[in-house]
Amino acid sequence: MFSRDFPQAEAVLDDLGPEFVQSFITAVDGARDDYEQMRESYRDWFVRFASRTTANIIHERIWARFVDGLQGQDEIVIVDEDPTREIHKGLNYQLRIKRHHPGDKISTFATDGAKGFWANDNLALDGFESHSLAVGYLWDADLRAVGEAVLSYRSSLDSPIWGIQLKRDVGNVAGFSWEPMQPDLPEVDLTGIIVPDEEEGRAS
């Protein structure tokens, strides 16, 4: 039977395995340290960098650390053919490193290849589904800082299905913990709205 069900976050984490996920978290944590050290050492450079330049530097450090951390792990294929960089885990998952903004938004050139990668609309027999994942970090634009490691799944470039934040947790048997990313909802002032509560005969 053909399947187009979207996998849930917990199932994806189980499929990737704790060793793989820990390697990714370690790569983001290490890249964050690298970025802060570089920014401290070359302050005059970084204040003049374009946003894309800063993103490229962080990407390079995550990529290098992640690839090194995956050495020796099973079912790993590294694709590093400019301009495409992907990490394949088994037959079912391919991942690209992306900076995540509030609302689980990512930025990339909307080429046909990118649109196809993020569509996640391929039909396949059960057990042979191929899923594209975005791994990366939450970017604080105000502080220009690297936040927690992030994993997200989307049905198109601008349509996230879910996103989670990951962090190391020695108290957890898997070695990490995760929580859903909060949606980027607009602030709405509801103080002027009174909804009558018919059952109690009062405003609530």
N, C-alpha and C. Protein backbone atom coordinates (compact mmCIF):
# COMPACT_ATOMS: atom_id res chain seq x y z
N MET A 1 0.84 -1.19 0.00
CA MET A 1 0.00 0.00 0.00
C MET A 1 0.88 1.24 0.00
N PHE A 2 0.48 2.27 -0.76
CA PHE A 2 1.21 3.53 -0.77
C PHE A 2 0.82 4.36 0.43
N SER A 3 1.78 5.13 0.95
CA SER A 3 1.53 5.94 2.14
C SER A 3 2.04 7.35 1.96
N ARG A 4 1.27 8.33 2.50
CA ARG A 4 1.71 9.72 2.50
C ARG A 4 1.56 10.32 3.88
N ASP A 5 1.51 9.48 4.90
CA ASP A 5 1.37 9.96 6.27
C ASP A 5 2.62 10.73 6.67
N PHE A 6 2.41 11.84 7.39
CA PHE A 6 3.53 12.59 7.91
C PHE A 6 4.01 11.95 9.21
N PRO A 7 5.30 11.67 9.34
CA PRO A 7 5.80 11.07 10.58
C PRO A 7 5.79 12.09 11.71
N GLN A 8 5.53 11.62 12.91
CA GLN A 8 5.54 12.48 14.08
C GLN A 8 6.96 12.61 14.62
N ALA A 9 7.19 13.66 15.40
CA ALA A 9 8.53 13.97 15.87
C ALA A 9 9.16 12.83 16.65
N GLU A 10 8.41 12.24 17.55
CA GLU A 10 8.96 11.17 18.38
C GLU A 10 9.37 9.97 17.54
N ALA A 11 8.57 9.65 16.53
CA ALA A 11 8.90 8.52 15.66
C ALA A 11 10.16 8.80 14.86
N VAL A 12 10.31 10.04 14.40
CA VAL A 12 11.51 10.42 13.64
C VAL A 12 12.75 10.31 14.52
N LEU A 13 12.66 10.79 15.76
CA LEU A 13 13.80 10.70 16.67
C LEU A 13 14.17 9.25 16.93
N ASP A 14 13.17 8.38 17.07
CA ASP A 14 13.45 6.96 17.28
C ASP A 14 14.15 6.36 16.06
N ASP A 15 13.70 6.74 14.87
CA ASP A 15 14.30 6.22 13.64
C ASP A 15 15.75 6.70 13.49
N LEU A 16 15.98 7.96 13.78
CA LEU A 16 17.34 8.51 13.65
C LEU A 16 18.28 7.89 14.67
N GLY A 17 17.76 7.63 15.86
CA GLY A 17 18.56 7.00 16.91
C GLY A 17 19.27 8.00 17.78
N PRO A 18 19.48 7.66 19.06
CA PRO A 18 20.10 8.60 20.00
C PRO A 18 21.53 9.01 19.63
N GLU A 19 22.30 8.10 19.06
CA GLU A 19 23.68 8.44 18.70
C GLU A 19 23.71 9.52 17.63
N PHE A 20 22.84 9.39 16.64
CA PHE A 20 22.76 10.38 15.56
C PHE A 20 22.30 11.72 16.11
N VAL A 21 21.24 11.72 16.91
CA VAL A 21 20.70 12.97 17.45
C VAL A 21 21.71 13.64 18.37
N GLN A 22 22.38 12.87 19.20
CA GLN A 22 23.39 13.44 20.08
C GLN A 22 24.52 14.07 19.28
N SER A 23 24.91 13.45 18.18
CA SER A 23 25.97 14.01 17.34
C SER A 23 25.55 15.36 16.78
N PHE A 24 24.30 15.48 16.42
CA PHE A 24 23.80 16.75 15.89
C PHE A 24 23.78 17.82 16.97
N ILE A 25 23.27 17.48 18.15
CA ILE A 25 23.23 18.46 19.25
C ILE A 25 24.64 18.91 19.60
N THR A 26 25.57 17.97 19.65
CA THR A 26 26.97 18.32 19.95
C THR A 26 27.54 19.25 18.88
N ALA A 27 27.16 19.02 17.62
CA ALA A 27 27.65 19.88 16.53
C ALA A 27 27.14 21.30 16.69
N VAL A 28 25.86 21.46 17.03
CA VAL A 28 25.30 22.80 17.20
C VAL A 28 25.91 23.48 18.43
N ASP A 29 26.05 22.75 19.52
CA ASP A 29 26.64 23.33 20.73
C ASP A 29 28.08 23.78 20.45
N GLY A 30 28.82 22.94 19.73
CA GLY A 30 30.20 23.29 19.42
C GLY A 30 30.29 24.46 18.47
N ALA A 31 29.40 24.50 17.47
CA ALA A 31 29.40 25.61 16.52
C ALA A 31 29.02 26.92 17.21
N ARG A 32 28.12 26.84 18.18
CA ARG A 32 27.76 28.03 18.94
C ARG A 32 28.99 28.59 19.66
N ASP A 33 29.77 27.71 20.27
CA ASP A 33 31.00 28.15 20.95
C ASP A 33 31.99 28.74 19.95
N ASP A 34 32.14 28.08 18.80
CA ASP A 34 33.05 28.58 17.77
C ASP A 34 32.64 29.98 17.33
N TYR A 35 31.36 30.16 17.09
CA TYR A 35 30.83 31.45 16.63
C TYR A 35 31.09 32.54 17.66
N GLU A 36 30.82 32.24 18.93
CA GLU A 36 31.02 33.25 19.97
C GLU A 36 32.49 33.61 20.12
N GLN A 37 33.37 32.62 20.02
CA GLN A 37 34.81 32.89 20.11
C GLN A 37 35.27 33.74 18.94
N MET A 38 34.80 33.42 17.75
CA MET A 38 35.18 34.20 16.57
C MET A 38 34.64 35.63 16.65
N ARG A 39 33.40 35.76 17.12
CA ARG A 39 32.81 37.09 17.22
C ARG A 39 33.53 37.94 18.25
N GLU A 40 34.00 37.30 19.34
CA GLU A 40 34.74 38.03 20.36
C GLU A 40 36.11 38.43 19.85
N SER A 41 36.73 37.56 19.07
CA SER A 41 38.09 37.83 18.59
C SER A 41 38.11 38.82 17.43
N TYR A 42 37.03 38.84 16.65
CA TYR A 42 37.00 39.71 15.46
C TYR A 42 35.72 40.56 15.46
N ARG A 43 35.58 41.34 16.50
CA ARG A 43 34.37 42.14 16.66
C ARG A 43 34.14 43.07 15.47
N ASP A 44 35.19 43.74 15.01
CA ASP A 44 35.04 44.69 13.90
C ASP A 44 34.57 43.99 12.63
N TRP A 45 34.98 42.74 12.43
CA TRP A 45 34.54 42.01 11.26
C TRP A 45 33.04 41.69 11.34
N PHE A 46 32.65 41.15 12.48
CA PHE A 46 31.30 40.61 12.59
C PHE A 46 30.22 41.70 12.56
N VAL A 47 30.52 42.87 13.06
CA VAL A 47 29.50 43.93 13.03
C VAL A 47 29.25 44.40 11.60
N ARG A 48 30.18 44.12 10.70
CA ARG A 48 30.02 44.52 9.30
C ARG A 48 29.57 43.39 8.39
N PHE A 49 29.52 42.19 8.92
CA PHE A 49 29.11 41.05 8.10
C PHE A 49 27.64 41.16 7.72
N ALA A 50 27.34 40.79 6.47
CA ALA A 50 25.95 40.63 6.07
C ALA A 50 25.37 39.41 6.78
N SER A 51 24.06 39.37 6.92
CA SER A 51 23.40 38.25 7.59
C SER A 51 23.77 36.93 6.93
N ARG A 52 23.86 36.93 5.60
CA ARG A 52 24.18 35.70 4.87
C ARG A 52 25.59 35.22 5.21
N THR A 53 26.53 36.15 5.38
CA THR A 53 27.90 35.78 5.72
C THR A 53 27.95 35.10 7.08
N THR A 54 27.26 35.70 8.05
CA THR A 54 27.22 35.11 9.39
C THR A 54 26.59 33.72 9.34
N ALA A 55 25.49 33.58 8.60
CA ALA A 55 24.83 32.28 8.48
C ALA A 55 25.75 31.24 7.86
N ASN A 56 26.52 31.65 6.86
CA ASN A 56 27.43 30.72 6.20
C ASN A 56 28.53 30.23 7.15
N ILE A 57 29.04 31.14 7.97
CA ILE A 57 30.08 30.75 8.93
C ILE A 57 29.55 29.73 9.92
N ILE A 58 28.36 29.99 10.45
CA ILE A 58 27.76 29.06 11.41
C ILE A 58 27.46 27.72 10.74
N HIS A 59 26.94 27.78 9.52
CA HIS A 59 26.65 26.55 8.77
C HIS A 59 27.92 25.71 8.61
N GLU A 60 29.02 26.35 8.24
CA GLU A 60 30.27 25.62 8.02
C GLU A 60 30.72 24.90 9.29
N ARG A 61 30.57 25.56 10.43
CA ARG A 61 31.01 24.95 11.68
C ARG A 61 30.10 23.79 12.09
N ILE A 62 28.78 23.96 11.91
CA ILE A 62 27.87 22.85 12.22
C ILE A 62 28.14 21.68 11.29
N TRP A 63 28.26 21.97 10.00
CA TRP A 63 28.50 20.89 9.02
C TRP A 63 29.76 20.11 9.36
N ALA A 64 30.86 20.79 9.59
CA ALA A 64 32.13 20.12 9.87
C ALA A 64 32.04 19.27 11.13
N ARG A 65 31.47 19.83 12.17
CA ARG A 65 31.38 19.10 13.44
C ARG A 65 30.41 17.92 13.33
N PHE A 66 29.30 18.11 12.61
CA PHE A 66 28.32 17.04 12.46
C PHE A 66 28.90 15.88 11.66
N VAL A 67 29.53 16.20 10.54
CA VAL A 67 30.13 15.15 9.71
C VAL A 67 31.19 14.38 10.49
N ASP A 68 32.01 15.09 11.24
CA ASP A 68 33.04 14.41 12.06
C ASP A 68 32.38 13.50 13.10
N GLY A 69 31.29 13.99 13.70
CA GLY A 69 30.63 13.21 14.75
C GLY A 69 29.91 11.97 14.23
N LEU A 70 29.60 11.94 12.93
CA LEU A 70 28.89 10.81 12.34
C LEU A 70 29.82 9.71 11.85
N GLN A 71 31.12 9.96 11.90
CA GLN A 71 32.07 8.96 11.44
C GLN A 71 31.92 7.67 12.25
N GLY A 72 31.80 6.56 11.54
CA GLY A 72 31.68 5.26 12.20
C GLY A 72 30.25 4.84 12.48
N GLN A 73 29.29 5.74 12.30
CA GLN A 73 27.90 5.37 12.52
C GLN A 73 27.35 4.65 11.28
N ASP A 74 26.38 3.79 11.51
CA ASP A 74 25.82 2.98 10.43
C ASP A 74 24.83 3.76 9.59
N GLU A 75 24.70 3.37 8.33
CA GLU A 75 23.69 3.86 7.39
C GLU A 75 23.78 5.37 7.17
N ILE A 76 24.99 5.91 7.14
CA ILE A 76 25.18 7.34 6.92
C ILE A 76 25.79 7.56 5.54
N VAL A 77 25.19 8.45 4.77
CA VAL A 77 25.75 8.88 3.49
C VAL A 77 25.86 10.40 3.51
N ILE A 78 27.06 10.90 3.25
CA ILE A 78 27.31 12.34 3.22
C ILE A 78 27.34 12.79 1.77
N VAL A 79 26.51 13.75 1.44
CA VAL A 79 26.50 14.35 0.10
C VAL A 79 27.03 15.77 0.22
N ASP A 80 28.20 16.02 -0.35
CA ASP A 80 28.83 17.34 -0.28
C ASP A 80 29.29 17.71 -1.69
N GLU A 81 28.33 18.09 -2.50
CA GLU A 81 28.58 18.44 -3.90
C GLU A 81 27.99 19.82 -4.15
N ASP A 82 28.84 20.83 -4.10
CA ASP A 82 28.40 22.21 -4.21
C ASP A 82 27.40 22.39 -5.36
N PRO A 83 26.22 22.99 -5.08
CA PRO A 83 25.83 23.67 -3.84
C PRO A 83 25.02 22.80 -2.89
N THR A 84 24.97 21.48 -3.11
CA THR A 84 24.12 20.62 -2.29
C THR A 84 24.92 19.96 -1.17
N ARG A 85 24.40 20.11 0.03
CA ARG A 85 24.95 19.42 1.19
C ARG A 85 23.81 18.73 1.91
N GLU A 86 23.88 17.42 1.98
CA GLU A 86 22.85 16.64 2.64
C GLU A 86 23.48 15.51 3.43
N ILE A 87 22.78 15.09 4.45
CA ILE A 87 23.16 13.91 5.21
C ILE A 87 22.00 12.93 5.12
N HIS A 88 22.28 11.73 4.65
CA HIS A 88 21.25 10.70 4.53
C HIS A 88 21.42 9.69 5.66
N LYS A 89 20.31 9.40 6.31
CA LYS A 89 20.29 8.38 7.36
C LYS A 89 19.42 7.23 6.88
N GLY A 90 20.04 6.11 6.54
CA GLY A 90 19.32 4.99 6.00
C GLY A 90 18.67 5.35 4.67
N LEU A 91 17.57 4.68 4.37
CA LEU A 91 16.87 4.93 3.11
C LEU A 91 15.73 5.92 3.26
N ASN A 92 15.39 6.28 4.50
CA ASN A 92 14.17 7.03 4.73
C ASN A 92 14.34 8.52 5.03
N TYR A 93 15.55 8.95 5.37
CA TYR A 93 15.70 10.33 5.81
C TYR A 93 16.88 11.02 5.12
N GLN A 94 16.63 12.24 4.65
CA GLN A 94 17.70 13.11 4.19
C GLN A 94 17.54 14.46 4.89
N LEU A 95 18.66 15.01 5.33
CA LEU A 95 18.63 16.20 6.16
C LEU A 95 19.51 17.30 5.58
N ARG A 96 19.04 18.53 5.71
CA ARG A 96 19.83 19.70 5.35
C ARG A 96 19.90 20.65 6.55
N ILE A 97 21.03 21.27 6.72
CA ILE A 97 21.22 22.20 7.83
C ILE A 97 20.63 23.56 7.48
N LYS A 98 19.75 24.07 8.35
CA LYS A 98 19.10 25.34 8.10
C LYS A 98 18.98 26.17 9.37
N ARG A 99 19.15 27.47 9.19
CA ARG A 99 18.85 28.41 10.27
C ARG A 99 17.34 28.55 10.38
N HIS A 100 16.82 28.42 11.60
CA HIS A 100 15.39 28.54 11.85
C HIS A 100 15.08 29.88 12.53
N HIS A 101 14.07 30.52 12.03
CA HIS A 101 13.60 31.77 12.61
C HIS A 101 12.32 31.50 13.40
N PRO A 102 11.86 32.46 14.22
CA PRO A 102 10.59 32.26 14.93
C PRO A 102 9.47 31.85 13.98
N GLY A 103 8.61 30.98 14.45
CA GLY A 103 7.56 30.45 13.59
C GLY A 103 8.03 29.29 12.75
N ASP A 104 9.24 28.77 13.07
CA ASP A 104 9.79 27.62 12.35
C ASP A 104 10.01 27.93 10.87
N LYS A 105 10.39 29.18 10.58
CA LYS A 105 10.64 29.56 9.19
C LYS A 105 12.11 29.35 8.86
N ILE A 106 12.38 28.91 7.63
CA ILE A 106 13.75 28.77 7.16
C ILE A 106 13.89 29.57 5.88
N SER A 107 15.14 29.88 5.55
CA SER A 107 15.40 30.67 4.35
C SER A 107 16.24 29.86 3.38
N THR A 108 15.86 29.88 2.11
CA THR A 108 16.65 29.26 1.06
C THR A 108 16.16 29.80 -0.27
N PHE A 109 16.98 29.68 -1.28
CA PHE A 109 16.54 30.08 -2.61
C PHE A 109 15.48 29.09 -3.09
N ALA A 110 14.37 29.62 -3.58
CA ALA A 110 13.24 28.77 -3.98
C ALA A 110 13.45 28.18 -5.37
N THR A 111 14.51 27.41 -5.53
CA THR A 111 14.77 26.72 -6.79
C THR A 111 13.83 25.52 -6.90
N ASP A 112 13.72 24.96 -8.10
CA ASP A 112 12.89 23.77 -8.28
C ASP A 112 13.38 22.62 -7.40
N GLY A 113 14.71 22.52 -7.29
CA GLY A 113 15.28 21.46 -6.46
C GLY A 113 14.92 21.63 -4.99
N ALA A 114 14.98 22.87 -4.49
CA ALA A 114 14.64 23.14 -3.10
C ALA A 114 13.16 22.88 -2.85
N LYS A 115 12.32 23.32 -3.78
CA LYS A 115 10.88 23.10 -3.62
C LYS A 115 10.56 21.61 -3.58
N GLY A 116 11.21 20.84 -4.44
CA GLY A 116 10.99 19.41 -4.45
C GLY A 116 11.47 18.74 -3.17
N PHE A 117 12.62 19.21 -2.66
CA PHE A 117 13.19 18.61 -1.45
C PHE A 117 12.26 18.80 -0.27
N TRP A 118 11.72 20.01 -0.12
CA TRP A 118 10.91 20.32 1.07
C TRP A 118 9.46 19.94 0.92
N ALA A 119 9.03 19.49 -0.26
CA ALA A 119 7.61 19.18 -0.47
C ALA A 119 7.17 17.95 0.32
N ASN A 120 8.07 16.96 0.46
CA ASN A 120 7.72 15.73 1.17
C ASN A 120 6.42 15.13 0.65
N ASP A 121 6.25 15.14 -0.66
CA ASP A 121 5.00 14.64 -1.24
C ASP A 121 5.19 13.39 -2.09
N ASN A 122 6.34 12.73 -1.91
CA ASN A 122 6.59 11.54 -2.71
C ASN A 122 5.78 10.36 -2.20
N LEU A 123 5.20 9.63 -3.14
CA LEU A 123 4.47 8.42 -2.80
C LEU A 123 5.43 7.23 -2.77
N ALA A 124 5.24 6.35 -1.80
CA ALA A 124 6.12 5.19 -1.69
C ALA A 124 5.40 4.07 -0.97
N LEU A 125 5.87 2.85 -1.18
CA LEU A 125 5.34 1.72 -0.45
C LEU A 125 5.65 1.88 1.03
N ASP A 126 4.78 1.34 1.88
CA ASP A 126 5.00 1.41 3.32
C ASP A 126 6.39 0.87 3.67
N GLY A 127 7.11 1.64 4.47
CA GLY A 127 8.45 1.25 4.86
C GLY A 127 9.53 1.79 3.96
N PHE A 128 9.15 2.35 2.80
CA PHE A 128 10.12 2.89 1.86
C PHE A 128 9.94 4.39 1.64
N GLU A 129 9.20 5.03 2.54
CA GLU A 129 8.98 6.47 2.42
C GLU A 129 10.31 7.23 2.59
N SER A 130 10.42 8.34 1.88
CA SER A 130 11.60 9.19 1.98
C SER A 130 11.17 10.54 2.55
N HIS A 131 11.80 10.95 3.64
CA HIS A 131 11.40 12.17 4.33
C HIS A 131 12.57 13.16 4.39
N SER A 132 12.28 14.40 4.06
CA SER A 132 13.28 15.47 4.12
C SER A 132 13.11 16.24 5.41
N LEU A 133 14.20 16.41 6.13
CA LEU A 133 14.18 17.10 7.42
C LEU A 133 15.11 18.30 7.40
N ALA A 134 14.73 19.33 8.14
CA ALA A 134 15.61 20.47 8.34
C ALA A 134 16.19 20.38 9.75
N VAL A 135 17.50 20.36 9.83
CA VAL A 135 18.17 20.40 11.13
C VAL A 135 18.97 21.69 11.18
N GLY A 136 19.12 22.22 12.35
CA GLY A 136 19.86 23.47 12.44
C GLY A 136 19.75 24.06 13.82
N TYR A 137 19.43 25.35 13.88
CA TYR A 137 19.42 26.05 15.15
C TYR A 137 18.43 27.20 15.08
N LEU A 138 17.96 27.60 16.25
CA LEU A 138 17.06 28.74 16.34
C LEU A 138 17.90 30.00 16.41
N TRP A 139 17.64 30.94 15.51
CA TRP A 139 18.44 32.16 15.41
C TRP A 139 17.73 33.32 16.10
N ASP A 140 18.44 33.97 17.03
CA ASP A 140 17.93 35.16 17.70
C ASP A 140 18.47 36.37 16.95
N ALA A 141 17.65 36.98 16.10
CA ALA A 141 18.11 38.08 15.25
C ALA A 141 18.47 39.31 16.07
N ASP A 142 17.78 39.54 17.18
CA ASP A 142 18.06 40.72 17.99
C ASP A 142 19.44 40.63 18.65
N LEU A 143 19.74 39.46 19.19
CA LEU A 143 21.03 39.25 19.85
C LEU A 143 22.09 38.73 18.90
N ARG A 144 21.70 38.37 17.68
CA ARG A 144 22.58 37.73 16.72
C ARG A 144 23.28 36.54 17.38
N ALA A 145 22.44 35.67 17.93
CA ALA A 145 22.94 34.55 18.72
C ALA A 145 22.36 33.23 18.24
N VAL A 146 23.14 32.17 18.42
CA VAL A 146 22.72 30.81 18.07
C VAL A 146 21.99 30.21 19.26
N GLY A 147 20.74 29.79 19.04
CA GLY A 147 19.96 29.17 20.10
C GLY A 147 20.11 27.66 20.10
N GLU A 148 19.07 26.98 20.59
CA GLU A 148 19.11 25.53 20.71
C GLU A 148 19.08 24.85 19.34
N ALA A 149 19.52 23.61 19.33
CA ALA A 149 19.42 22.79 18.12
C ALA A 149 17.95 22.56 17.79
N VAL A 150 17.65 22.51 16.50
CA VAL A 150 16.27 22.41 16.04
C VAL A 150 16.16 21.34 14.95
N LEU A 151 15.05 20.62 14.97
CA LEU A 151 14.70 19.66 13.93
C LEU A 151 13.27 19.96 13.50
N SER A 152 13.04 20.06 12.18
CA SER A 152 11.69 20.37 11.73
C SER A 152 11.34 19.54 10.49
N TYR A 153 10.02 19.39 10.30
CA TYR A 153 9.47 18.65 9.17
C TYR A 153 8.42 19.54 8.52
N ARG A 154 8.46 19.62 7.19
CA ARG A 154 7.54 20.53 6.50
C ARG A 154 6.99 19.91 5.22
N SER A 155 5.85 20.45 4.79
CA SER A 155 5.23 19.98 3.55
C SER A 155 5.58 20.89 2.38
N SER A 156 6.24 22.00 2.68
CA SER A 156 6.80 22.89 1.67
C SER A 156 7.78 23.80 2.39
N LEU A 157 8.49 24.60 1.63
CA LEU A 157 9.48 25.49 2.23
C LEU A 157 8.87 26.36 3.32
N ASP A 158 7.66 26.86 3.09
CA ASP A 158 7.03 27.79 4.03
C ASP A 158 5.91 27.16 4.84
N SER A 159 5.82 25.82 4.84
CA SER A 159 4.72 25.16 5.54
C SER A 159 5.23 24.10 6.50
N PRO A 160 5.70 24.50 7.68
CA PRO A 160 6.16 23.51 8.65
C PRO A 160 5.01 22.69 9.22
N ILE A 161 5.21 21.39 9.33
CA ILE A 161 4.24 20.52 9.97
C ILE A 161 4.49 20.49 11.47
N TRP A 162 5.75 20.37 11.84
CA TRP A 162 6.14 20.47 13.24
C TRP A 162 7.62 20.83 13.33
N GLY A 163 8.00 21.34 14.49
CA GLY A 163 9.39 21.66 14.78
C GLY A 163 9.65 21.44 16.25
N ILE A 164 10.84 20.95 16.58
CA ILE A 164 11.19 20.69 17.98
C ILE A 164 12.57 21.25 18.28
N GLN A 165 12.76 21.65 19.53
CA GLN A 165 14.07 22.06 20.01
C GLN A 165 14.70 20.90 20.78
N LEU A 166 15.99 20.73 20.61
CA LEU A 166 16.72 19.63 21.22
C LEU A 166 17.85 20.16 22.08
N LYS A 167 18.09 19.51 23.20
CA LYS A 167 19.25 19.88 24.01
C LYS A 167 19.75 18.66 24.78
N ARG A 168 21.03 18.71 25.10
CA ARG A 168 21.64 17.60 25.82
C ARG A 168 21.02 17.49 27.21
N ASP A 169 20.80 16.25 27.64
CA ASP A 169 20.18 16.01 28.94
C ASP A 169 20.74 14.70 29.48
N VAL A 170 21.74 14.81 30.36
CA VAL A 170 22.40 13.60 30.88
C VAL A 170 21.47 12.79 31.77
N GLY A 171 20.39 13.41 32.24
CA GLY A 171 19.45 12.68 33.08
C GLY A 171 18.45 11.86 32.30
N ASN A 172 18.45 12.01 30.98
CA ASN A 172 17.54 11.27 30.11
C ASN A 172 18.26 10.06 29.54
N VAL A 173 17.58 8.93 29.47
CA VAL A 173 18.22 7.71 28.99
C VAL A 173 18.75 7.86 27.58
N ALA A 174 18.09 8.70 26.76
CA ALA A 174 18.54 8.92 25.38
C ALA A 174 19.71 9.90 25.31
N GLY A 175 19.97 10.60 26.41
CA GLY A 175 21.07 11.56 26.42
C GLY A 175 20.66 12.95 25.96
N PHE A 176 19.37 13.13 25.64
CA PHE A 176 18.88 14.43 25.20
C PHE A 176 17.40 14.55 25.54
N SER A 177 16.90 15.78 25.53
CA SER A 177 15.47 16.02 25.70
C SER A 177 15.00 16.93 24.58
N TRP A 178 13.68 16.97 24.38
CA TRP A 178 13.15 17.80 23.30
C TRP A 178 11.80 18.37 23.70
N GLU A 179 11.45 19.47 23.04
CA GLU A 179 10.15 20.08 23.27
C GLU A 179 9.70 20.76 21.99
N PRO A 180 8.38 20.84 21.77
CA PRO A 180 7.89 21.49 20.55
C PRO A 180 8.27 22.96 20.52
N MET A 181 8.57 23.46 19.32
CA MET A 181 8.80 24.88 19.16
C MET A 181 7.48 25.61 19.30
N GLN A 182 7.54 26.78 19.94
CA GLN A 182 6.33 27.56 20.13
C GLN A 182 5.98 28.29 18.84
N PRO A 183 4.70 28.29 18.46
CA PRO A 183 4.31 29.01 17.24
C PRO A 183 4.50 30.50 17.41
N ASP A 184 4.83 31.15 16.31
CA ASP A 184 5.04 32.60 16.31
C ASP A 184 3.71 33.29 16.05
N LEU A 185 2.92 33.44 17.10
CA LEU A 185 1.59 34.00 16.96
C LEU A 185 1.60 35.49 17.21
N PRO A 186 0.79 36.27 16.48
CA PRO A 186 0.73 37.71 16.73
C PRO A 186 0.06 38.00 18.07
N GLU A 187 0.50 39.08 18.70
CA GLU A 187 -0.11 39.47 19.95
C GLU A 187 -1.44 40.15 19.67
N VAL A 188 -2.48 39.68 20.35
CA VAL A 188 -3.82 40.22 20.15
C VAL A 188 -4.36 40.72 21.48
N ASP A 189 -4.82 41.95 21.51
CA ASP A 189 -5.38 42.53 22.71
C ASP A 189 -6.84 42.14 22.82
N LEU A 190 -7.16 41.29 23.81
CA LEU A 190 -8.52 40.82 23.99
C LEU A 190 -9.23 41.50 25.15
N THR A 191 -8.59 42.51 25.74
CA THR A 191 -9.17 43.13 26.93
C THR A 191 -10.48 43.81 26.64
N GLY A 192 -10.73 44.23 25.39
CA GLY A 192 -11.96 44.93 25.07
C GLY A 192 -13.08 44.01 24.63
N ILE A 193 -12.79 42.70 24.62
CA ILE A 193 -13.80 41.74 24.18
C ILE A 193 -14.42 41.05 25.38
N ILE A 194 -15.73 41.11 25.52
CA ILE A 194 -16.42 40.46 26.61
C ILE A 194 -17.34 39.40 26.02
N VAL A 195 -17.13 38.18 26.43
CA VAL A 195 -17.95 37.08 25.94
C VAL A 195 -18.95 36.70 27.01
N PRO A 196 -20.26 36.82 26.76
CA PRO A 196 -21.24 36.48 27.78
C PRO A 196 -21.27 34.99 28.07
N ASP A 197 -21.30 34.66 29.32
CA ASP A 197 -21.40 33.27 29.74
C ASP A 197 -22.85 33.01 30.10
N GLU A 198 -23.58 32.39 29.20
CA GLU A 198 -25.03 32.22 29.38
C GLU A 198 -25.33 31.33 30.57
N GLU A 199 -24.44 30.35 30.81
CA GLU A 199 -24.72 29.38 31.87
C GLU A 199 -24.66 30.04 33.25
N GLU A 200 -23.68 30.94 33.43
CA GLU A 200 -23.50 31.60 34.72
C GLU A 200 -24.14 32.97 34.78
N GLY A 201 -24.60 33.48 33.60
CA GLY A 201 -25.22 34.77 33.59
C GLY A 201 -24.29 35.92 33.90
N ARG A 202 -22.99 35.72 33.51
CA ARG A 202 -21.99 36.75 33.76
C ARG A 202 -21.03 36.84 32.60
N ALA A 203 -20.25 37.93 32.56
CA ALA A 203 -19.23 38.07 31.53
C ALA A 203 -17.98 37.33 31.96
N SER A 204 -17.31 36.67 30.98
CA SER A 204 -16.07 35.94 31.31
C SER A 204 -14.93 36.46 30.49
